Protein backbone atom coordinates (compact mmCIF):
# COMPACT_ATOMS: atom_id res chain seq x y z
CA MET A 1 6.47 66.86 9.07
CA GLY A 2 6.64 65.98 13.09
CA ASP A 3 2.81 66.95 12.54
CA GLY A 4 2.04 65.41 9.64
CA LEU A 5 3.34 61.85 11.27
CA VAL A 6 1.25 63.03 14.35
CA ALA A 7 -1.79 63.34 12.72
CA GLN A 8 -1.53 59.61 10.76
CA ILE A 9 -1.84 58.32 14.52
CA PRO A 10 -5.79 58.28 14.69
CA SER A 11 -5.65 56.35 10.84
CA LEU A 12 -3.38 53.68 12.25
CA LEU A 13 -5.10 53.15 15.47
CA LEU A 14 -8.46 52.88 12.97
CA SER A 15 -7.30 50.64 10.82
CA ILE A 16 -6.08 48.17 13.72
CA ALA A 17 -9.40 48.12 15.16
CA THR A 18 -11.06 47.59 12.07
CA ALA A 19 -8.72 44.65 11.10
CA ILE A 20 -9.83 43.23 14.59
CA ILE A 21 -13.11 43.82 13.96
CA VAL A 22 -13.36 42.27 11.18
CA THR A 23 -11.61 39.01 12.15
CA ARG A 24 -13.64 38.60 14.86
CA VAL A 25 -16.77 37.58 13.03
CA SER A 26 -15.79 34.22 12.54
CA SER A 27 -14.22 33.49 15.92
CA THR A 28 -16.04 31.93 18.86
CA HIS A 29 -13.94 34.03 21.52
CA ASP A 30 -15.99 37.15 23.36
CA MET A 31 -14.22 40.48 21.93
CA ALA A 32 -11.87 40.90 24.98
CA ALA A 33 -10.23 37.69 24.67
CA HIS A 34 -9.88 37.99 20.84
CA ILE A 35 -8.26 41.38 20.84
CA GLY A 36 -5.81 40.01 23.88
CA VAL A 37 -5.43 36.75 21.21
CA GLN A 38 -4.13 39.20 18.65
CA ILE A 39 -2.51 41.51 20.60
CA ASN A 40 -0.37 39.08 22.44
CA LEU A 41 2.05 37.88 19.60
CA SER A 42 5.91 37.44 21.02
CA ARG A 43 6.45 37.04 17.27
CA ALA A 44 5.21 40.74 16.66
CA TRP A 45 6.16 42.30 20.23
CA ILE A 46 10.13 41.01 19.39
CA PRO A 47 10.86 42.74 16.48
CA VAL A 48 8.83 45.86 18.06
CA ALA A 49 11.56 46.03 20.70
CA GLY A 50 14.70 45.42 18.40
CA VAL A 51 13.38 48.33 15.79
CA MET A 52 12.49 50.44 19.14
CA MET A 53 16.02 50.21 20.64
CA ILE A 54 18.28 50.54 17.59
CA ILE A 55 16.15 54.25 17.02
CA GLY A 56 17.07 55.11 20.84
CA LEU A 57 20.47 54.04 19.97
CA VAL A 58 20.44 56.61 16.97
CA PRO A 59 22.44 60.13 18.47
CA GLY A 60 20.16 63.29 18.36
CA MET A 61 17.04 61.15 18.67
CA PRO A 62 14.79 61.19 21.96
CA ASN A 63 16.54 58.63 23.36
CA ALA A 64 15.43 57.90 26.75
CA ILE A 65 11.36 57.45 25.41
CA PHE A 66 12.68 55.33 22.69
CA ILE A 67 14.89 53.43 24.96
CA VAL A 68 11.43 52.89 27.89
CA ALA A 69 9.66 51.70 24.64
CA ALA A 70 11.59 49.30 23.60
CA LEU A 71 11.54 47.94 27.40
CA ALA A 72 8.14 47.98 27.29
CA ALA A 73 7.68 46.43 24.45
CA GLY A 74 10.72 43.70 25.40
CA ALA A 75 8.44 43.24 28.42
CA ALA A 76 5.49 42.49 26.35
CA ALA A 77 6.56 40.03 24.11
CA TRP A 78 8.23 38.02 27.14
CA PHE A 79 5.07 37.66 28.71
CA ALA A 80 3.59 36.51 25.26
CA LEU A 81 6.16 33.73 25.19
CA LYS A 82 5.41 32.89 28.80
CA SER A 83 1.39 32.87 27.68
CA GLU A 84 1.97 30.90 24.48
CA LYS A 85 4.35 28.15 26.12
CA THR A 86 1.75 27.66 28.59
CA ALA A 87 -0.74 27.52 26.05
CA ASN A 88 1.00 24.59 24.20
CA GLN A 89 1.82 22.84 27.26
CA THR A 90 -2.00 22.59 28.29
CA ASP A 91 -2.99 21.32 24.66
CA ALA A 92 -0.42 18.89 25.02
CA ASP A 93 -1.95 17.73 28.51
CA ALA A 94 -5.32 18.26 27.38
CA PRO A 95 -7.55 15.23 27.66
CA ALA A 96 -8.45 12.61 24.33
CA THR A 97 -10.90 13.59 22.30
CA ALA A 98 -14.03 11.65 21.34
CA GLU A 99 -12.12 9.99 18.91
CA ASP A 100 -9.52 8.75 20.42
CA ALA A 101 -10.85 8.08 23.53
CA PRO A 102 -11.63 4.16 24.54
CA ARG A 103 -15.01 3.49 23.16
CA THR A 104 -17.59 3.02 26.22
CA PRO A 105 -18.62 -0.76 26.42
CA GLY A 106 -21.94 -1.45 25.12
CA VAL A 107 -22.25 1.60 22.96
CA LEU A 108 -22.44 1.08 19.24
CA THR A 109 -20.43 2.86 16.99
CA ALA A 110 -21.27 3.58 12.53
CA GLU A 111 -17.28 1.74 12.68
CA ASP A 112 -18.60 -1.15 14.34
CA VAL A 113 -21.42 -1.78 11.63
CA THR A 114 -19.35 -0.43 8.29
CA ASP A 115 -15.49 -0.18 8.34
CA TYR A 116 -14.13 1.78 4.91
CA SER A 117 -10.56 1.21 5.31
CA ALA A 118 -9.34 0.18 2.21
CA VAL A 119 -6.64 -2.61 3.69
CA SER A 120 -7.57 -3.89 7.40
CA ILE A 121 -6.57 -6.35 9.64
CA GLN A 122 -8.48 -7.91 11.92
CA ILE A 123 -7.03 -9.94 14.91
CA GLY A 124 -8.08 -11.75 17.96
CA TYR A 125 -7.86 -11.08 21.39
CA GLY A 126 -4.66 -12.98 21.76
CA LEU A 127 -2.81 -11.30 18.91
CA ILE A 128 -3.46 -7.76 20.54
CA PRO A 129 0.37 -8.01 22.39
CA MET A 130 2.11 -7.88 18.93
CA ILE A 131 0.95 -4.30 18.57
CA GLU A 132 0.69 -2.83 22.28
CA ASP A 133 4.29 -0.85 21.44
CA GLY A 134 2.41 0.74 18.55
CA ASP A 135 5.03 2.16 15.66
CA GLN A 136 7.43 0.62 17.86
CA SER A 137 5.82 -3.01 17.73
CA ALA A 138 7.61 -5.44 14.88
CA LEU A 139 4.24 -6.16 13.17
CA LEU A 140 3.63 -2.29 12.41
CA SER A 141 7.36 -1.81 11.46
CA ARG A 142 7.04 -5.37 8.71
CA ILE A 143 3.58 -4.40 7.83
CA THR A 144 5.47 -0.52 6.95
CA SER A 145 8.04 -2.40 5.25
CA ILE A 146 5.81 -4.59 3.07
CA ARG A 147 3.28 -1.87 2.10
CA ARG A 148 6.69 0.23 0.84
CA ASP A 149 7.70 -2.72 -0.91
CA VAL A 150 4.52 -3.70 -2.38
CA SER A 151 4.06 0.12 -3.89
CA LYS A 152 7.15 0.03 -5.52
CA ALA A 153 6.40 -3.17 -6.98
CA MET A 154 2.92 -2.42 -8.43
CA GLY A 155 3.60 1.07 -9.37
CA PHE A 156 0.95 2.72 -7.41
CA VAL A 157 1.00 3.72 -3.76
CA ILE A 158 -1.01 1.35 -1.61
CA PRO A 159 -3.49 2.73 0.98
CA GLY A 160 -2.80 2.64 4.82
CA VAL A 161 -3.17 -1.06 6.57
CA ARG A 162 -5.86 -0.28 9.82
CA ILE A 163 -5.12 -2.99 12.41
CA ARG A 164 -7.95 -3.09 14.56
CA ASP A 165 -9.10 -6.18 17.45
CA ASP A 166 -12.14 -8.17 16.70
CA LEU A 167 -13.32 -10.00 20.01
CA SER A 168 -15.80 -12.30 17.89
CA LEU A 169 -12.22 -13.79 16.10
CA PRO A 170 -10.85 -16.79 18.32
CA PRO A 171 -7.59 -15.96 20.07
CA ASN A 172 -5.03 -16.46 17.87
CA THR A 173 -6.79 -15.95 14.69
CA TYR A 174 -6.51 -12.71 12.10
CA ARG A 175 -8.48 -11.50 9.29
CA ILE A 176 -6.78 -9.48 6.20
CA ARG A 177 -9.75 -7.29 4.41
CA ILE A 178 -9.35 -5.67 0.90
CA GLY A 179 -12.26 -3.14 1.55
CA GLN A 180 -14.75 -4.99 2.82
CA ALA A 181 -14.39 -8.37 1.23
CA ILE A 182 -12.34 -10.77 3.75
CA VAL A 183 -9.65 -12.02 1.29
CA ALA A 184 -7.61 -14.12 4.22
CA GLU A 185 -7.72 -15.47 7.42
CA ASP A 186 -5.30 -17.74 9.24
CA MET A 187 -4.02 -18.17 12.75
CA VAL A 188 -0.68 -17.54 14.39
CA TYR A 189 1.06 -18.19 17.59
CA PRO A 190 2.48 -14.93 19.30
CA ASP A 191 4.46 -16.74 21.63
CA ARG A 192 5.59 -19.21 19.24
CA LYS A 193 7.74 -19.53 16.15
CA LEU A 194 7.28 -21.36 12.59
CA ALA A 195 9.30 -23.56 11.12
CA LEU A 196 9.66 -24.65 8.06
CA PRO A 197 11.48 -27.53 6.76
CA GLY A 198 14.10 -27.51 3.59
CA ALA A 199 14.50 -30.22 1.76
CA MET A 200 17.32 -32.04 3.88
CA SER A 201 15.21 -31.72 6.95
CA ASN A 202 14.77 -35.62 8.38
CA ARG A 203 13.48 -34.74 11.44
CA LYS A 204 9.90 -34.25 13.31
CA LEU A 205 9.88 -31.59 15.63
CA LYS A 206 7.85 -31.14 18.59
CA GLY A 207 5.02 -28.84 18.38
CA ILE A 208 1.61 -27.09 16.90
CA GLU A 209 1.53 -28.89 13.39
CA GLY A 210 -0.10 -26.12 10.82
CA ARG A 211 0.98 -24.94 7.40
CA ASP A 212 2.53 -21.42 6.24
CA PRO A 213 -0.41 -18.88 5.31
CA SER A 214 1.51 -17.66 2.38
CA PHE A 215 2.24 -20.49 0.91
CA GLY A 216 0.60 -23.69 2.36
CA MET A 217 3.72 -25.11 2.98
CA GLU A 218 3.57 -27.86 5.88
CA ALA A 219 5.16 -26.50 9.03
CA ILE A 220 5.39 -26.36 13.14
CA TRP A 221 4.91 -23.82 15.80
CA ILE A 222 7.44 -24.47 18.12
CA LEU A 223 8.36 -22.64 21.71
CA PRO A 224 11.80 -19.99 21.16
CA HIS A 225 14.29 -22.48 22.73
CA GLN A 226 13.47 -25.01 19.94
CA GLN A 227 14.96 -22.63 17.18
CA PRO A 228 18.89 -23.94 17.29
CA GLU A 229 17.37 -27.49 16.93
CA ALA A 230 15.49 -26.58 14.07
CA GLU A 231 17.65 -24.44 12.29
CA ALA A 232 20.23 -27.33 13.16
CA ASP A 233 17.56 -29.63 10.85
CA ASP A 234 17.72 -27.42 8.00
CA HIS A 235 14.50 -25.90 9.30
CA ILE A 236 14.02 -22.37 8.35
CA VAL A 237 12.11 -20.28 11.48
CA VAL A 238 10.14 -17.23 10.82
CA GLU A 239 8.47 -15.23 13.31
CA PRO A 240 5.02 -14.51 13.88
CA ASP A 241 4.62 -10.94 12.68
CA SER A 242 6.37 -11.93 9.47
CA VAL A 243 4.03 -14.22 9.22
CA ILE A 244 1.23 -12.17 9.18
CA ALA A 245 3.68 -9.54 7.18
CA THR A 246 4.10 -12.03 3.93
CA HIS A 247 0.82 -13.34 3.93
CA LEU A 248 -0.66 -9.61 3.68
CA SER A 249 1.96 -8.86 1.00
CA GLN A 250 0.72 -11.88 -1.13
CA MET A 251 -2.76 -10.79 -0.52
CA LEU A 252 -2.18 -7.09 -1.89
CA TYR A 253 -0.26 -8.44 -4.86
CA GLN A 254 -3.41 -10.57 -5.60
CA HIS A 255 -6.36 -8.29 -4.90
CA GLY A 256 -4.27 -5.06 -5.51
CA TYR A 257 -5.71 -4.18 -8.74
CA ASN A 258 -9.30 -3.78 -6.45
CA LEU A 259 -7.32 -0.85 -4.51
CA LEU A 260 -6.66 1.05 -7.59
CA GLY A 261 -9.41 3.94 -8.08
CA PRO A 262 -9.26 6.80 -10.64
CA ASP A 263 -8.26 9.22 -7.72
CA ASP A 264 -5.26 6.98 -8.23
CA VAL A 265 -4.70 7.27 -11.68
CA GLN A 266 -5.41 10.80 -11.79
CA VAL A 267 -2.36 10.91 -8.93
CA LEU A 268 -0.14 9.22 -11.28
CA LEU A 269 -1.00 11.22 -14.11
CA ASP A 270 0.12 14.36 -11.90
CA ASN A 271 3.46 12.81 -11.39
CA LEU A 272 3.87 11.95 -14.80
CA GLU A 273 2.70 15.36 -16.07
CA ARG A 274 5.47 17.23 -14.42
CA SER A 275 8.38 15.39 -17.02
CA SER A 276 5.64 14.52 -19.96
CA PRO A 277 3.19 16.91 -19.98
CA THR A 278 2.77 17.23 -23.87
CA LEU A 279 1.90 13.71 -23.65
CA VAL A 280 -0.65 13.38 -20.89
CA GLU A 281 -2.54 16.22 -22.47
CA SER A 282 -2.73 14.99 -25.23
CA VAL A 283 -3.67 11.52 -24.13
CA VAL A 284 -6.00 12.12 -21.31
CA PRO A 285 -8.82 12.55 -21.74
CA LYS A 286 -8.64 13.75 -25.41
CA LEU A 287 -8.15 9.98 -26.50
CA VAL A 288 -8.29 7.64 -23.48
CA PRO A 289 -10.81 8.64 -21.03
CA LEU A 290 -9.91 8.23 -17.50
CA HIS A 291 -11.91 5.57 -16.56
CA THR A 292 -11.10 3.47 -19.45
CA LEU A 293 -7.37 3.95 -18.23
CA THR A 294 -8.29 2.84 -15.08
CA SER A 295 -10.11 -0.51 -16.03
CA VAL A 296 -6.88 -1.35 -18.63
CA LEU A 297 -4.90 -0.66 -15.39
CA ARG A 298 -6.70 -2.68 -13.23
CA HIS A 299 -6.67 -5.38 -15.94
CA LEU A 300 -2.97 -5.57 -16.11
CA LEU A 301 -2.48 -5.40 -11.92
CA ALA A 302 -4.43 -8.30 -11.99
CA ASP A 303 -1.68 -10.55 -14.03
CA ARG A 304 1.09 -8.72 -11.23
CA ILE A 305 2.27 -6.30 -14.10
CA PRO A 306 3.22 -3.35 -12.73
CA ILE A 307 2.33 -0.01 -14.26
CA SER A 308 4.77 2.03 -13.02
CA ASP A 309 6.33 2.99 -16.62
CA MET A 310 2.86 5.29 -17.37
CA ARG A 311 4.64 7.13 -20.11
CA ARG A 312 4.74 3.66 -21.87
CA ILE A 313 1.40 2.46 -21.06
CA LEU A 314 -0.06 5.91 -22.37
CA GLU A 315 2.05 6.21 -25.71
CA GLY A 316 0.64 2.28 -26.30
CA MET A 317 -2.82 3.51 -25.76
CA SER A 318 -2.63 6.04 -27.84
CA GLU A 319 -1.82 3.98 -30.74
CA MET A 320 -4.84 1.93 -30.01
CA MET A 321 -7.67 3.70 -29.89
CA GLY A 322 -9.96 3.82 -32.98
CA ARG A 323 -9.28 0.19 -33.20
CA ASN A 324 -12.14 -1.02 -31.31
CA MET A 325 -10.65 -2.58 -28.44
CA SER A 326 -12.34 -3.43 -25.74
CA ASN A 327 -10.33 -2.57 -22.27
CA GLN A 328 -9.07 -6.33 -21.62
CA ASP A 329 -7.84 -6.24 -25.15
CA MET A 330 -5.75 -3.18 -24.85
CA ALA A 331 -4.48 -4.29 -21.89
CA GLU A 332 -3.58 -7.67 -22.96
CA ALA A 333 -1.99 -5.84 -26.18
CA LEU A 334 0.48 -3.44 -23.86
CA ARG A 335 1.54 -6.95 -21.92
CA PRO A 336 4.61 -7.89 -24.39
CA ALA A 337 6.00 -4.56 -23.80
CA LEU A 338 5.26 -4.18 -19.80
CA ALA A 339 6.34 -7.91 -19.29
CA PRO A 340 9.92 -7.36 -18.18
CA LEU A 341 9.05 -4.91 -15.29
CA LEU A 342 7.61 -8.25 -13.67
CA ILE A 343 10.46 -10.64 -14.89
CA GLN A 344 12.82 -8.36 -13.94
CA GLN A 345 10.92 -8.82 -9.88
CA VAL A 346 10.64 -12.11 -10.14
CA ALA A 347 13.99 -13.19 -10.71
CA PRO A 348 17.74 -11.83 -10.32
CA LEU A 349 18.97 -10.17 -13.97
CA ASN A 350 21.79 -12.89 -14.13
CA ALA A 351 19.59 -15.96 -12.61
CA PRO A 352 17.94 -17.98 -15.23
CA LEU A 353 13.92 -17.78 -15.47
CA PRO A 354 12.31 -20.83 -13.50
CA LEU A 355 9.92 -22.26 -16.31
CA ILE A 356 6.77 -24.29 -16.09
CA THR A 357 5.86 -25.75 -19.80
CA LEU A 358 2.60 -27.37 -20.45
CA ALA A 359 2.89 -30.72 -22.71
CA PRO A 360 1.74 -30.06 -25.92
CA GLU A 361 -1.03 -32.64 -25.77
CA LEU A 362 -2.12 -30.48 -22.78
CA GLU A 363 -2.31 -27.23 -24.29
CA GLN A 364 -3.81 -28.88 -27.50
CA LEU A 365 -6.80 -30.33 -25.49
CA LEU A 366 -6.95 -26.64 -23.34
CA MET A 367 -7.06 -24.93 -26.79
CA ARG A 368 -9.79 -27.28 -28.51
CA SER A 369 -11.92 -26.25 -24.91
CA ARG A 370 -12.39 -22.87 -26.00
CA GLN A 371 -12.72 -23.34 -29.66
CA GLN A 372 -16.17 -22.24 -30.48
CA ASN A 373 -15.43 -18.57 -28.75
CA PRO A 374 -11.92 -17.55 -27.88
CA ASN A 375 -13.21 -15.54 -25.32
CA ASP A 376 -15.07 -18.00 -23.34
CA PRO A 377 -13.67 -19.23 -20.28
CA LEU A 378 -12.04 -22.40 -19.98
CA VAL A 379 -14.28 -25.36 -19.39
CA LEU A 380 -12.36 -28.02 -17.74
CA ASP A 381 -13.41 -31.98 -16.62
CA ASN A 382 -12.89 -31.87 -12.72
CA ASN A 383 -9.89 -34.58 -12.86
CA LEU A 384 -8.44 -32.40 -15.52
CA ALA A 385 -8.68 -29.46 -13.14
CA GLN A 386 -7.49 -31.20 -10.03
CA THR A 387 -4.20 -32.75 -11.91
CA ILE A 388 -3.13 -29.19 -13.60
CA LEU A 389 -3.92 -27.45 -9.98
CA SER A 390 -2.22 -30.18 -8.12
CA ALA A 391 0.63 -30.88 -10.39
CA LEU A 392 1.59 -26.78 -10.28
CA GLY A 393 0.86 -26.68 -6.94
CA LYS A 394 3.75 -29.06 -5.83
CA VAL A 395 6.07 -27.56 -8.23
CA SER A 396 5.11 -24.40 -7.02
CA GLU A 397 5.61 -25.25 -3.49
CA ASP A 398 8.93 -26.90 -4.41
CA LEU A 399 10.56 -23.96 -6.23
CA ALA A 400 8.87 -21.67 -3.08
CA ALA A 401 10.98 -23.50 -0.75
CA GLN A 402 14.52 -22.65 -2.95
CA GLY A 403 12.91 -18.93 -2.50
CA ARG A 404 12.51 -18.77 -6.26
CA THR A 405 9.14 -18.09 -8.13
CA ALA A 406 7.44 -20.14 -10.70
CA ILE A 407 6.09 -18.71 -13.89
CA VAL A 408 3.74 -20.77 -16.13
CA VAL A 409 4.99 -20.14 -20.04
CA VAL A 410 1.99 -21.01 -22.29
CA SER A 411 0.55 -20.08 -26.30
CA ALA A 412 -0.20 -16.33 -26.87
CA PRO A 413 -3.89 -17.07 -27.25
CA LEU A 414 -4.51 -19.44 -23.93
CA ARG A 415 -2.81 -17.24 -21.77
CA ARG A 416 -5.60 -14.98 -20.95
CA PRO A 417 -7.93 -17.78 -20.10
CA PHE A 418 -5.43 -20.12 -18.34
CA ALA A 419 -4.49 -16.97 -16.11
CA ALA A 420 -7.93 -16.71 -15.40
CA TYR A 421 -8.66 -20.26 -14.70
CA LEU A 422 -6.17 -20.33 -12.24
CA ARG A 423 -6.37 -16.98 -10.69
CA ALA A 424 -10.34 -18.38 -9.99
CA HIS A 425 -8.97 -21.23 -7.99
CA SER A 426 -6.95 -19.20 -5.85
CA SER A 427 -3.77 -19.73 -7.58
CA ASP A 428 -1.01 -16.67 -7.60
CA THR A 429 1.32 -18.49 -10.27
CA ILE A 430 2.39 -15.72 -12.97
CA VAL A 431 1.24 -16.74 -16.59
CA LEU A 432 3.76 -15.56 -19.56
CA ALA A 433 2.86 -16.10 -23.18
CA ILE A 434 5.73 -17.24 -24.89
CA ASN A 435 6.29 -13.69 -27.11
CA GLU A 436 6.81 -11.96 -23.31
CA LEU A 437 10.05 -14.05 -22.64
CA PRO A 438 12.95 -11.62 -22.71
CA ASP A 439 15.83 -12.05 -25.66
CA ASN A 440 18.22 -11.74 -23.39
CA ARG A 441 17.25 -13.92 -20.36
CA PRO A 442 18.32 -17.09 -19.59
CA ILE A 443 15.91 -19.91 -18.85
CA GLU A 444 15.25 -22.76 -16.85
CA VAL A 445 12.60 -25.41 -17.28
CA VAL A 446 11.86 -26.92 -14.10
CA ALA A 447 8.62 -29.04 -15.01
CA SER A 448 6.66 -29.78 -18.05
CA LEU A 449 2.63 -30.11 -16.72
CA GLY A 450 0.50 -33.32 -18.58
CA GLY A 451 3.73 -35.03 -19.89
CA ASN A 452 2.77 -38.32 -19.28
CA GLN A 453 -0.91 -37.95 -17.81
CA GLN A 454 -4.36 -39.12 -19.27
CA LEU A 455 -5.55 -35.93 -19.68
CA THR A 456 -9.59 -35.30 -21.07
CA THR A 457 -11.59 -32.04 -21.65
CA GLN A 458 -15.25 -31.38 -21.08
CA GLU A 459 -16.25 -30.76 -24.78
CA GLU A 460 -19.58 -29.09 -25.84
């Protein structure tokens, strides 16, 4: 038996040498350095030392030889462990790579020409102190929280937000981009706070006059020591990082549909497949192609409808296939089943829904403006358009001051064109059809547009 074991030693050494040579093919080290890297592993020598020591303690074995071998393996393990710690420390202290190193002034890079970030915020040099603390800064913490909340509300993961300085911007200006499109731009003062007057405010504070970027309300940028005075006069005082984060949140809700792509939809399908594999397999792509599903989900998101209930969406679309419906028509048909998901985000369960209705005369005028083709957009006279938008903006601003969100309710045929018209005029007001209101929720009509106004439409 001993001769047989000894005879296997050359075969073992040959196998080890072959393995080293084979793995050497893809390595950039020379042969000696490569062998040293593969042999000098503490996680290999430690168990060898332990096994040798155990065998050396067995009675009847050549104890001295095995104990000496165990000590030698233990020494090798100690040197290997020390070498690994030194290597890790060297890597930690190594200089930053070219990607992390500051860019050389005057050198133009591809990132300066095109930024492929899905969501980005560009800031002037005056706002750089707001992000100097990195992940510990208040602005980045708030943006992370906003991204998490918006992702939960919309039903898919919002991409990461990239913040970078732009010396071409004025010092206190920031700019929000969705893809390559600039969707918002405003100004904040990092050494001041934004004071928003409440309903009981009766004093004019000293400071820099401006407007709240998110809701357009008149506001004053005050110094920090003025905060007690402002709060005593029923002002809401907001930190500058909260101003930017809230503005970003609003832009994500308005333009979030542009962030949804086929890859994101596939992630949602993969997640649903864990609980409903048969549903996903039978619908996508057998009945509904992936690009069609993506388009329908984008139409839903454009109207703030969450897409978190993918099971109901797939079940509804599977019933519509074969009816020769457009993607927009399918999204409209899915809305009554999904609208409660939006309503529960807008108002607490036990609170009444603040509704804005249209006067019958105004609704009839809007319906007549599109009688020739129901799919045509609304064509309104300038005076009528300004009347609707200003009245709606005033009501929405009053509700926003109370912490409430306005919901416009119209007839089902008018919902889609009216919502598209408001969206085209930069209004993020939610528009619901009368059949989308839940039966078990109390309502409160806070305003009726067009009741006592002379309204006309431009008819061809």
